Amino acid sequence: MTSNMAALPPDAKGWSVEDVKKWAVEEVGIDVEDADKLVRQKINGKHWLKMTEARLLSIGISLAAAVDLMEAIEGLGGGGGSSAAVAGEVDLASALRVSLPEMRQV
């Protein structure tokens, strides 16, 4: 990953939708296809800092990209946490704990 952070506003809260996409592709290294999903949802810096893994997965971001993005966003001082439940959302780990016993009974 090359560092083009100087071209972005220093405070991620002030990032535009395009700034978020640029950071996700150039700094984190996710595919443009996944980054375009952020653009379609109009995720700017203010929203980005409140992002959770569950939210990323809910908009169709690949699991690998979601993990990479959450690690990177925590470095920006944001993120709801990859395992935090947010207002009615269930995080992936909790969902798996619930599903595994059900799968064993099948």
PDB file of N, CA and C in Angstrom:
ATOM      1  N   MET A   1       0.831  -1.173   0.000  1.00  0.00           N
ATOM      2  CA  MET A   1       0.000   0.000   0.000  1.00  0.00           C
ATOM      3  C   MET A   1       0.877   1.239   0.000  1.00  0.00           C
ATOM      4  N   THR A   2       0.541   2.162  -0.869  1.00  0.00           N
ATOM      5  CA  THR A   2       1.269   3.416  -0.908  1.00  0.00           C
ATOM      6  C   THR A   2       0.530   4.436  -0.074  1.00  0.00           C
ATOM      7  N   SER A   3       1.274   5.378   0.484  1.00  0.00           N
ATOM      8  CA  SER A   3       0.642   6.352   1.360  1.00  0.00           C
ATOM      9  C   SER A   3       0.358   7.645   0.612  1.00  0.00           C
ATOM     10  N   ASN A   4      -0.922   7.900   0.360  1.00  0.00           N
ATOM     11  CA  ASN A   4      -1.380   9.147  -0.234  1.00  0.00           C
ATOM     12  C   ASN A   4      -2.238   9.899   0.767  1.00  0.00           C
ATOM     13  N   MET A   5      -2.013   9.655   2.047  1.00  0.00           N
ATOM     14  CA  MET A   5      -2.830  10.266   3.085  1.00  0.00           C
ATOM     15  C   MET A   5      -2.708  11.784   3.071  1.00  0.00           C
ATOM     16  N   ALA A   6      -1.588  12.331   2.580  1.00  0.00           N
ATOM     17  CA  ALA A   6      -1.415  13.779   2.543  1.00  0.00           C
ATOM     18  C   ALA A   6      -2.470  14.431   1.659  1.00  0.00           C
ATOM     19  N   ALA A   7      -2.988  13.716   0.678  1.00  0.00           N
ATOM     20  CA  ALA A   7      -3.993  14.259  -0.225  1.00  0.00           C
ATOM     21  C   ALA A   7      -5.379  14.273   0.417  1.00  0.00           C
ATOM     22  N   LEU A   8      -5.557  13.582   1.526  1.00  0.00           N
ATOM     23  CA  LEU A   8      -6.848  13.521   2.213  1.00  0.00           C
ATOM     24  C   LEU A   8      -6.872  14.524   3.366  1.00  0.00           C
ATOM     25  N   PRO A   9      -8.060  15.050   3.705  1.00  0.00           N
ATOM     26  CA  PRO A   9      -8.144  15.903   4.893  1.00  0.00           C
ATOM     27  C   PRO A   9      -7.585  15.149   6.108  1.00  0.00           C
ATOM     28  N   PRO A  10      -6.877  15.854   6.994  1.00  0.00           N
ATOM     29  CA  PRO A  10      -6.241  15.180   8.133  1.00  0.00           C
ATOM     30  C   PRO A  10      -7.226  14.526   9.099  1.00  0.00           C
ATOM     31  N   ASP A  11      -8.419  15.093   9.222  1.00  0.00           N
ATOM     32  CA  ASP A  11      -9.434  14.529  10.108  1.00  0.00           C
ATOM     33  C   ASP A  11     -10.398  13.708   9.265  1.00  0.00           C
ATOM     34  N   ALA A  12     -10.463  12.416   9.515  1.00  0.00           N
ATOM     35  CA  ALA A  12     -11.311  11.526   8.719  1.00  0.00           C
ATOM     36  C   ALA A  12     -12.787  11.930   8.773  1.00  0.00           C
ATOM     37  N   LYS A  13     -13.213  12.625   9.817  1.00  0.00           N
ATOM     38  CA  LYS A  13     -14.610  13.074   9.899  1.00  0.00           C
ATOM     39  C   LYS A  13     -14.971  13.987   8.732  1.00  0.00           C
ATOM     40  N   GLY A  14     -13.985  14.652   8.169  1.00  0.00           N
ATOM     41  CA  GLY A  14     -14.211  15.575   7.073  1.00  0.00           C
ATOM     42  C   GLY A  14     -14.086  14.961   5.690  1.00  0.00           C
ATOM     43  N   TRP A  15     -13.866  13.651   5.616  1.00  0.00           N
ATOM     44  CA  TRP A  15     -13.701  12.999   4.322  1.00  0.00           C
ATOM     45  C   TRP A  15     -15.016  12.960   3.555  1.00  0.00           C
ATOM     46  N   SER A  16     -14.906  13.150   2.249  1.00  0.00           N
ATOM     47  CA  SER A  16     -16.055  12.985   1.358  1.00  0.00           C
ATOM     48  C   SER A  16     -16.235  11.500   1.057  1.00  0.00           C
ATOM     49  N   VAL A  17     -17.298  11.182   0.360  1.00  0.00           N
ATOM     50  CA  VAL A  17     -17.533   9.807  -0.076  1.00  0.00           C
ATOM     51  C   VAL A  17     -16.359   9.329  -0.933  1.00  0.00           C
ATOM     52  N   GLU A  18     -15.880  10.190  -1.830  1.00  0.00           N
ATOM     53  CA  GLU A  18     -14.753   9.819  -2.699  1.00  0.00           C
ATOM     54  C   GLU A  18     -13.459   9.660  -1.906  1.00  0.00           C
ATOM     55  N   ASP A  19     -13.269  10.466  -0.843  1.00  0.00           N
ATOM     56  CA  ASP A  19     -12.093  10.314   0.021  1.00  0.00           C
ATOM     57  C   ASP A  19     -12.095   8.942   0.694  1.00  0.00           C
ATOM     58  N   VAL A  20     -13.263   8.528   1.177  1.00  0.00           N
ATOM     59  CA  VAL A  20     -13.380   7.214   1.824  1.00  0.00           C
ATOM     60  C   VAL A  20     -13.022   6.119   0.831  1.00  0.00           C
ATOM     61  N   LYS A  21     -13.544   6.224  -0.392  1.00  0.00           N
ATOM     62  CA  LYS A  21     -13.243   5.221  -1.420  1.00  0.00           C
ATOM     63  C   LYS A  21     -11.745   5.199  -1.717  1.00  0.00           C
ATOM     64  N   LYS A  22     -11.168   6.370  -1.902  1.00  0.00           N
ATOM     65  CA  LYS A  22      -9.731   6.454  -2.217  1.00  0.00           C
ATOM     66  C   LYS A  22      -8.901   5.815  -1.106  1.00  0.00           C
ATOM     67  N   TRP A  23      -9.217   6.135   0.141  1.00  0.00           N
ATOM     68  CA  TRP A  23      -8.490   5.575   1.284  1.00  0.00           C
ATOM     69  C   TRP A  23      -8.646   4.055   1.330  1.00  0.00           C
ATOM     70  N   ALA A  24      -9.876   3.572   1.127  1.00  0.00           N
ATOM     71  CA  ALA A  24     -10.135   2.134   1.201  1.00  0.00           C
ATOM     72  C   ALA A  24      -9.361   1.366   0.133  1.00  0.00           C
ATOM     73  N   VAL A  25      -9.283   1.925  -1.070  1.00  0.00           N
ATOM     74  CA  VAL A  25      -8.585   1.247  -2.168  1.00  0.00           C
ATOM     75  C   VAL A  25      -7.069   1.412  -2.047  1.00  0.00           C
ATOM     76  N   GLU A  26      -6.613   2.660  -1.862  1.00  0.00           N
ATOM     77  CA  GLU A  26      -5.171   2.929  -1.906  1.00  0.00           C
ATOM     78  C   GLU A  26      -4.435   2.625  -0.610  1.00  0.00           C
ATOM     79  N   GLU A  27      -5.066   2.861   0.522  1.00  0.00           N
ATOM     80  CA  GLU A  27      -4.395   2.637   1.803  1.00  0.00           C
ATOM     81  C   GLU A  27      -4.654   1.245   2.370  1.00  0.00           C
ATOM     82  N   VAL A  28      -5.897   0.802   2.286  1.00  0.00           N
ATOM     83  CA  VAL A  28      -6.248  -0.500   2.857  1.00  0.00           C
ATOM     84  C   VAL A  28      -6.012  -1.615   1.836  1.00  0.00           C
ATOM     85  N   GLY A  29      -6.258  -1.302   0.576  1.00  0.00           N
ATOM     86  CA  GLY A  29      -6.009  -2.290  -0.474  1.00  0.00           C
ATOM     87  C   GLY A  29      -7.207  -3.147  -0.837  1.00  0.00           C
ATOM     88  N   ILE A  30      -8.428  -2.665  -0.564  1.00  0.00           N
ATOM     89  CA  ILE A  30      -9.593  -3.463  -0.949  1.00  0.00           C
ATOM     90  C   ILE A  30      -9.866  -3.285  -2.436  1.00  0.00           C
ATOM     91  N   ASP A  31     -10.618  -4.195  -3.004  1.00  0.00           N
ATOM     92  CA  ASP A  31     -10.986  -4.132  -4.417  1.00  0.00           C
ATOM     93  C   ASP A  31     -11.901  -2.943  -4.674  1.00  0.00           C
ATOM     94  N   VAL A  32     -11.798  -2.383  -5.873  1.00  0.00           N
ATOM     95  CA  VAL A  32     -12.658  -1.272  -6.276  1.00  0.00           C
ATOM     96  C   VAL A  32     -14.122  -1.686  -6.202  1.00  0.00           C
ATOM     97  N   GLU A  33     -14.416  -2.942  -6.519  1.00  0.00           N
ATOM     98  CA  GLU A  33     -15.799  -3.443  -6.459  1.00  0.00           C
ATOM     99  C   GLU A  33     -16.380  -3.265  -5.058  1.00  0.00           C
ATOM    100  N   ASP A  34     -15.606  -3.622  -4.032  1.00  0.00           N
ATOM    101  CA  ASP A  34     -16.083  -3.438  -2.655  1.00  0.00           C
ATOM    102  C   ASP A  34     -16.149  -1.958  -2.305  1.00  0.00           C
ATOM    103  N   ALA A  35     -15.182  -1.169  -2.735  1.00  0.00           N
ATOM    104  CA  ALA A  35     -15.176   0.268  -2.445  1.00  0.00           C
ATOM    105  C   ALA A  35     -16.371   0.968  -3.091  1.00  0.00           C
ATOM    106  N   ASP A  36     -16.765   0.514  -4.266  1.00  0.00           N
ATOM    107  CA  ASP A  36     -17.929   1.104  -4.934  1.00  0.00           C
ATOM    108  C   ASP A  36     -19.209   0.886  -4.122  1.00  0.00           C
ATOM    109  N   LYS A  37     -19.259  -0.171  -3.337  1.00  0.00           N
ATOM    110  CA  LYS A  37     -20.424  -0.413  -2.477  1.00  0.00           C
ATOM    111  C   LYS A  37     -20.515   0.655  -1.389  1.00  0.00           C
ATOM    112  N   LEU A  38     -19.370   1.144  -0.936  1.00  0.00           N
ATOM    113  CA  LEU A  38     -19.357   2.239   0.032  1.00  0.00           C
ATOM    114  C   LEU A  38     -19.893   3.515  -0.613  1.00  0.00           C
ATOM    115  N   VAL A  39     -19.503   3.751  -1.865  1.00  0.00           N
ATOM    116  CA  VAL A  39     -19.965   4.938  -2.595  1.00  0.00           C
ATOM    117  C   VAL A  39     -21.470   4.870  -2.801  1.00  0.00           C
ATOM    118  N   ARG A  40     -21.978   3.708  -3.212  1.00  0.00           N
ATOM    119  CA  ARG A  40     -23.427   3.567  -3.438  1.00  0.00           C
ATOM    120  C   ARG A  40     -24.228   3.850  -2.170  1.00  0.00           C
ATOM    121  N   GLN A  41     -23.627   3.567  -1.020  1.00  0.00           N
ATOM    122  CA  GLN A  41     -24.307   3.818   0.261  1.00  0.00           C
ATOM    123  C   GLN A  41     -24.022   5.222   0.802  1.00  0.00           C
ATOM    124  N   LYS A  42     -23.234   6.003   0.058  1.00  0.00           N
ATOM    125  CA  LYS A  42     -22.905   7.392   0.413  1.00  0.00           C
ATOM    126  C   LYS A  42     -22.198   7.498   1.762  1.00  0.00           C
ATOM    127  N   ILE A  43     -21.228   6.592   1.974  1.00  0.00           N
ATOM    128  CA  ILE A  43     -20.481   6.571   3.234  1.00  0.00           C
ATOM    129  C   ILE A  43     -19.384   7.635   3.184  1.00  0.00           C
ATOM    130  N   ASN A  44     -19.555   8.706   3.962  1.00  0.00           N
ATOM    131  CA  ASN A  44     -18.511   9.733   4.058  1.00  0.00           C
ATOM    132  C   ASN A  44     -17.719   9.501   5.350  1.00  0.00           C
ATOM    133  N   GLY A  45     -16.805  10.410   5.666  1.00  0.00           N
ATOM    134  CA  GLY A  45     -15.953  10.225   6.835  1.00  0.00           C
ATOM    135  C   GLY A  45     -16.709  10.152   8.144  1.00  0.00           C
ATOM    136  N   LYS A  46     -17.736  10.980   8.286  1.00  0.00           N
ATOM    137  CA  LYS A  46     -18.545  10.965   9.512  1.00  0.00           C
ATOM    138  C   LYS A  46     -19.183   9.601   9.724  1.00  0.00           C
ATOM    139  N   HIS A  47     -19.755   9.055   8.646  1.00  0.00           N
ATOM    140  CA  HIS A  47     -20.366   7.727   8.735  1.00  0.00           C
ATOM    141  C   HIS A  47     -19.294   6.648   8.883  1.00  0.00           C
ATOM    142  N   TRP A  48     -18.190   6.851   8.191  1.00  0.00           N
ATOM    143  CA  TRP A  48     -17.123   5.850   8.180  1.00  0.00           C
ATOM    144  C   TRP A  48     -16.617   5.561   9.579  1.00  0.00           C
ATOM    145  N   LEU A  49     -16.466   6.596  10.395  1.00  0.00           N
ATOM    146  CA  LEU A  49     -15.924   6.403  11.737  1.00  0.00           C
ATOM    147  C   LEU A  49     -16.894   5.686  12.667  1.00  0.00           C
ATOM    148  N   LYS A  50     -18.138   5.516  12.235  1.00  0.00           N
ATOM    149  CA  LYS A  50     -19.141   4.787  13.017  1.00  0.00           C
ATOM    150  C   LYS A  50     -19.411   3.397  12.441  1.00  0.00           C
ATOM    151  N   MET A  51     -18.632   3.018  11.447  1.00  0.00           N
ATOM    152  CA  MET A  51     -18.863   1.760  10.742  1.00  0.00           C
ATOM    153  C   MET A  51     -18.546   0.559  11.640  1.00  0.00           C
ATOM    154  N   THR A  52     -19.295  -0.513  11.420  1.00  0.00           N
ATOM    155  CA  THR A  52     -19.044  -1.778  12.107  1.00  0.00           C
ATOM    156  C   THR A  52     -18.880  -2.871  11.057  1.00  0.00           C
ATOM    157  N   GLU A  53     -18.314  -3.971  11.465  1.00  0.00           N
ATOM    158  CA  GLU A  53     -18.162  -5.104  10.550  1.00  0.00           C
ATOM    159  C   GLU A  53     -19.537  -5.587  10.072  1.00  0.00           C
ATOM    160  N   ALA A  54     -20.497  -5.611  10.973  1.00  0.00           N
ATOM    161  CA  ALA A  54     -21.850  -6.061  10.603  1.00  0.00           C
ATOM    162  C   ALA A  54     -22.448  -5.161   9.527  1.00  0.00           C
ATOM    163  N   ARG A  55     -22.248  -3.869   9.658  1.00  0.00           N
ATOM    164  CA  ARG A  55     -22.767  -2.942   8.652  1.00  0.00           C
ATOM    165  C   ARG A  55     -22.083  -3.156   7.309  1.00  0.00           C
ATOM    166  N   LEU A  56     -20.778  -3.345   7.329  1.00  0.00           N
ATOM    167  CA  LEU A  56     -20.057  -3.587   6.073  1.00  0.00           C
ATOM    168  C   LEU A  56     -20.576  -4.844   5.382  1.00  0.00           C
ATOM    169  N   LEU A  57     -20.750  -5.898   6.154  1.00  0.00           N
ATOM    170  CA  LEU A  57     -21.240  -7.148   5.587  1.00  0.00           C
ATOM    171  C   LEU A  57     -22.665  -6.992   5.072  1.00  0.00           C
ATOM    172  N   SER A  58     -23.465  -6.171   5.744  1.00  0.00           N
ATOM    173  CA  SER A  58     -24.862  -6.000   5.336  1.00  0.00           C
ATOM    174  C   SER A  58     -24.998  -5.294   3.986  1.00  0.00           C
ATOM    175  N   ILE A  59     -23.990  -4.533   3.581  1.00  0.00           N
ATOM    176  CA  ILE A  59     -24.050  -3.866   2.272  1.00  0.00           C
ATOM    177  C   ILE A  59     -23.308  -4.656   1.198  1.00  0.00           C
ATOM    178  N   GLY A  60     -22.868  -5.852   1.547  1.00  0.00           N
ATOM    179  CA  GLY A  60     -22.277  -6.738   0.555  1.00  0.00           C
ATOM    180  C   GLY A  60     -20.770  -6.682   0.428  1.00  0.00           C
ATOM    181  N   ILE A  61     -20.103  -6.012   1.350  1.00  0.00           N
ATOM    182  CA  ILE A  61     -18.636  -5.999   1.342  1.00  0.00           C
ATOM    183  C   ILE A  61     -18.157  -7.410   1.666  1.00  0.00           C
ATOM    184  N   SER A  62     -17.130  -7.883   0.961  1.00  0.00           N
ATOM    185  CA  SER A  62     -16.623  -9.232   1.219  1.00  0.00           C
ATOM    186  C   SER A  62     -16.079  -9.321   2.646  1.00  0.00           C
ATOM    187  N   LEU A  63     -16.103 -10.515   3.207  1.00  0.00           N
ATOM    188  CA  LEU A  63     -15.626 -10.713   4.579  1.00  0.00           C
ATOM    189  C   LEU A  63     -14.171 -10.291   4.722  1.00  0.00           C
ATOM    190  N   ALA A  64     -13.323 -10.666   3.763  1.00  0.00           N
ATOM    191  CA  ALA A  64     -11.904 -10.305   3.832  1.00  0.00           C
ATOM    192  C   ALA A  64     -11.731  -8.794   3.843  1.00  0.00           C
ATOM    193  N   ALA A  65     -12.459  -8.100   2.974  1.00  0.00           N
ATOM    194  CA  ALA A  65     -12.365  -6.638   2.926  1.00  0.00           C
ATOM    195  C   ALA A  65     -12.903  -6.024   4.212  1.00  0.00           C
ATOM    196  N   ALA A  66     -13.988  -6.576   4.747  1.00  0.00           N
ATOM    197  CA  ALA A  66     -14.567  -6.054   5.990  1.00  0.00           C
ATOM    198  C   ALA A  66     -13.572  -6.155   7.142  1.00  0.00           C
ATOM    199  N   VAL A  67     -12.880  -7.262   7.228  1.00  0.00           N
ATOM    200  CA  VAL A  67     -11.881  -7.442   8.289  1.00  0.00           C
ATOM    201  C   VAL A  67     -10.753  -6.428   8.113  1.00  0.00           C
ATOM    202  N   ASP A  68     -10.239  -6.301   6.884  1.00  0.00           N
ATOM    203  CA  ASP A  68      -9.160  -5.343   6.620  1.00  0.00           C
ATOM    204  C   ASP A  68      -9.602  -3.916   6.914  1.00  0.00           C
ATOM    205  N   LEU A  69     -10.809  -3.567   6.500  1.00  0.00           N
ATOM    206  CA  LEU A  69     -11.322  -2.221   6.736  1.00  0.00           C
ATOM    207  C   LEU A  69     -11.482  -1.931   8.220  1.00  0.00           C
ATOM    208  N   MET A  70     -11.999  -2.882   8.979  1.00  0.00           N
ATOM    209  CA  MET A  70     -12.193  -2.651  10.409  1.00  0.00           C
ATOM    210  C   MET A  70     -10.860  -2.475  11.131  1.00  0.00           C
ATOM    211  N   GLU A  71      -9.862  -3.252  10.745  1.00  0.00           N
ATOM    212  CA  GLU A  71      -8.543  -3.075  11.353  1.00  0.00           C
ATOM    213  C   GLU A  71      -7.997  -1.689  11.040  1.00  0.00           C
ATOM    214  N   ALA A  72      -8.177  -1.247   9.810  1.00  0.00           N
ATOM    215  CA  ALA A  72      -7.665   0.053   9.400  1.00  0.00           C
ATOM    216  C   ALA A  72      -8.451   1.200  10.036  1.00  0.00           C
ATOM    217  N   ILE A  73      -9.762   1.072  10.128  1.00  0.00           N
ATOM    218  CA  ILE A  73     -10.567   2.156  10.697  1.00  0.00           C
ATOM    219  C   ILE A  73     -10.284   2.329  12.183  1.00  0.00           C
ATOM    220  N   GLU A  74      -9.975   1.252  12.869  1.00  0.00           N
ATOM    221  CA  GLU A  74      -9.635   1.370  14.283  1.00  0.00           C
ATOM    222  C   GLU A  74      -8.366   2.191  14.447  1.00  0.00           C
ATOM    223  N   GLY A  75      -7.479   2.131  13.448  1.00  0.00           N
ATOM    224  CA  GLY A  75      -6.273   2.955  13.457  1.00  0.00           C
ATOM    225  C   GLY A  75      -6.571   4.433  13.256  1.00  0.00           C
ATOM    226  N   LEU A  76      -7.745   4.746  12.677  1.00  0.00           N
ATOM    227  CA  LEU A  76      -8.154   6.142  12.492  1.00  0.00           C
ATOM    228  C   LEU A  76      -8.855   6.689  13.729  1.00  0.00           C
ATOM    229  N   GLY A  77      -9.083   5.827  14.704  1.00  0.00           N
ATOM    230  CA  GLY A  77      -9.756   6.261  15.919  1.00  0.00           C
ATOM    231  C   GLY A  77     -11.260   6.165  15.843  1.00  0.00           C
ATOM    232  N   GLY A  78     -11.751   5.323  14.960  1.00  0.00           N
ATOM    233  CA  GLY A  78     -13.196   5.199  14.818  1.00  0.00           C
ATOM    234  C   GLY A  78     -13.626   3.762  14.875  1.00  0.00           C
ATOM    235  N   GLY A  79     -14.793   3.540  14.355  1.00  0.00           N
ATOM    236  CA  GLY A  79     -15.334   2.187  14.272  1.00  0.00           C
ATOM    237  C   GLY A  79     -16.142   1.837  15.491  1.00  0.00           C
ATOM    238  N   GLY A  80     -17.239   1.189  15.232  1.00  0.00           N
ATOM    239  CA  GLY A  80     -18.093   0.730  16.310  1.00  0.00           C
ATOM    240  C   GLY A  80     -17.564  -0.558  16.910  1.00  0.00           C
ATOM    241  N   GLY A  81     -16.448  -1.058  16.373  1.00  0.00           N
ATOM    242  CA  GLY A  81     -15.891  -2.316  16.836  1.00  0.00           C
ATOM    243  C   GLY A  81     -16.421  -3.464  16.023  1.00  0.00           C
ATOM    244  N   SER A  82     -15.555  -4.396  15.682  1.00  0.00           N
ATOM    245  CA  SER A  82     -15.986  -5.484  14.813  1.00  0.00           C
ATOM    246  C   SER A  82     -16.927  -6.438  15.515  1.00  0.00           C
ATOM    247  N   SER A  83     -16.953  -6.399  16.853  1.00  0.00           N
ATOM    248  CA  SER A  83     -17.847  -7.320  17.546  1.00  0.00           C
ATOM    249  C   SER A  83     -18.928  -6.592  18.335  1.00  0.00           C
ATOM    250  N   ALA A  84     -19.098  -5.310  18.076  1.00  0.00           N
ATOM    251  CA  ALA A  84     -20.112  -4.550  18.816  1.00  0.00           C
ATOM    252  C   ALA A  84     -21.463  -4.671  18.136  1.00  0.00           C
ATOM    253  N   ALA A  85     -22.489  -4.937  18.920  1.00  0.00           N
ATOM    254  CA  ALA A  85     -23.844  -4.922  18.383  1.00  0.00           C
ATOM    255  C   ALA A  85     -24.308  -3.482  18.400  1.00  0.00           C
ATOM    256  N   VAL A  86     -24.901  -3.031  17.298  1.00  0.00           N
ATOM    257  CA  VAL A  86     -25.305  -1.638  17.183  1.00  0.00           C
ATOM    258  C   VAL A  86     -26.791  -1.577  16.870  1.00  0.00           C
ATOM    259  N   ALA A  87     -27.562  -1.003  17.753  1.00  0.00           N
ATOM    260  CA  ALA A  87     -28.982  -0.711  17.548  1.00  0.00           C
ATOM    261  C   ALA A  87     -29.708  -1.783  16.753  1.00  0.00           C
ATOM    262  N   GLY A  88     -29.820  -2.954  17.302  1.00  0.00           N
ATOM    263  CA  GLY A  88     -30.583  -4.007  16.654  1.00  0.00           C
ATOM    264  C   GLY A  88     -29.771  -4.886  15.724  1.00  0.00           C
ATOM    265  N   GLU A  89     -28.503  -4.574  15.522  1.00  0.00           N
ATOM    266  CA  GLU A  89     -27.675  -5.426  14.672  1.00  0.00           C
ATOM    267  C   GLU A  89     -27.044  -6.516  15.523  1.00  0.00           C
ATOM    268  N   VAL A  90     -26.776  -7.628  14.915  1.00  0.00           N
ATOM    269  CA  VAL A  90     -26.080  -8.713  15.597  1.00  0.00           C
ATOM    270  C   VAL A  90     -24.745  -8.878  14.912  1.00  0.00           C
ATOM    271  N   ASP A  91     -23.664  -8.889  15.685  1.00  0.00           N
ATOM    272  CA  ASP A  91     -22.364  -9.041  15.054  1.00  0.00           C
ATOM    273  C   ASP A  91     -22.167 -10.476  14.573  1.00  0.00           C
ATOM    274  N   LEU A  92     -21.209 -10.656  13.688  1.00  0.00           N
ATOM    275  CA  LEU A  92     -20.966 -11.937  13.046  1.00  0.00           C
ATOM    276  C   LEU A  92     -20.654 -13.039  14.052  1.00  0.00           C
ATOM    277  N   ALA A  93     -19.827 -12.740  15.046  1.00  0.00           N
ATOM    278  CA  ALA A  93     -19.462 -13.757  16.034  1.00  0.00           C
ATOM    279  C   ALA A  93     -20.690 -14.235  16.806  1.00  0.00           C
ATOM    280  N   SER A  94     -21.557 -13.298  17.183  1.00  0.00           N
ATOM    281  CA  SER A  94     -22.775 -13.685  17.898  1.00  0.00           C
ATOM    282  C   SER A  94     -23.680 -14.521  17.017  1.00  0.00           C
ATOM    283  N   ALA A  95     -23.795 -14.132  15.764  1.00  0.00           N
ATOM    284  CA  ALA A  95     -24.637 -14.882  14.835  1.00  0.00           C
ATOM    285  C   ALA A  95     -24.122 -16.300  14.674  1.00  0.00           C
ATOM    286  N   LEU A  96     -22.813 -16.462  14.616  1.00  0.00           N
ATOM    287  CA  LEU A  96     -22.242 -17.802  14.468  1.00  0.00           C
ATOM    288  C   LEU A  96     -22.464 -18.639  15.722  1.00  0.00           C
ATOM    289  N   ARG A  97     -22.351 -18.027  16.893  1.00  0.00           N
ATOM    290  CA  ARG A  97     -22.580 -18.772  18.136  1.00  0.00           C
ATOM    291  C   ARG A  97     -24.013 -19.272  18.200  1.00  0.00           C
ATOM    292  N   VAL A  98     -24.949 -18.492  17.701  1.00  0.00           N
ATOM    293  CA  VAL A  98     -26.345 -18.890  17.709  1.00  0.00           C
ATOM    294  C   VAL A  98     -26.573 -19.984  16.674  1.00  0.00           C
ATOM    295  N   SER A  99     -25.960 -19.854  15.522  1.00  0.00           N
ATOM    296  CA  SER A  99     -26.204 -20.781  14.418  1.00  0.00           C
ATOM    297  C   SER A  99     -25.541 -22.135  14.610  1.00  0.00           C
ATOM    298  N   LEU A 100     -24.393 -22.190  15.225  1.00  0.00           N
ATOM    299  CA  LEU A 100     -23.667 -23.447  15.345  1.00  0.00           C
ATOM    300  C   LEU A 100     -24.454 -24.526  16.073  1.00  0.00           C
ATOM    301  N   PRO A 101     -25.075 -24.243  17.220  1.00  0.00           N
ATOM    302  CA  PRO A 101     -25.851 -25.314  17.863  1.00  0.00           C
ATOM    303  C   PRO A 101     -27.006 -25.794  16.979  1.00  0.00           C
ATOM    304  N   GLU A 102     -27.630 -24.866  16.255  1.00  0.00           N
ATOM    305  CA  GLU A 102     -28.711 -25.248  15.367  1.00  0.00           C
ATOM    306  C   GLU A 102     -28.203 -26.160  14.266  1.00  0.00           C
ATOM    307  N   MET A 103     -27.006 -25.888  13.770  1.00  0.00           N
ATOM    308  CA  MET A 103     -26.432 -26.706  12.700  1.00  0.00           C
ATOM    309  C   MET A 103     -26.102 -28.105  13.205  1.00  0.00           C
ATOM    310  N   ARG A 104     -25.696 -28.213  14.452  1.00  0.00           N
ATOM    311  CA  ARG A 104     -25.336 -29.513  15.001  1.00  0.00           C
ATOM    312  C   ARG A 104     -26.537 -30.441  15.104  1.00  0.00           C
ATOM    313  N   GLN A 105     -27.733 -29.858  15.257  1.00  0.00           N
ATOM    314  CA  GLN A 105     -28.945 -30.649  15.411  1.00  0.00           C
ATOM    315  C   GLN A 105     -29.439 -31.179  14.078  1.00  0.00           C
ATOM    316  N   VAL A 106     -28.946 -30.640  12.968  1.00  0.00           N
ATOM    317  CA  VAL A 106     -29.427 -31.044  11.656  1.00  0.00           C
ATOM    318  C   VAL A 106     -28.900 -32.400  11.284  1.00  0.00           C
TER     319      VAL A 106
END
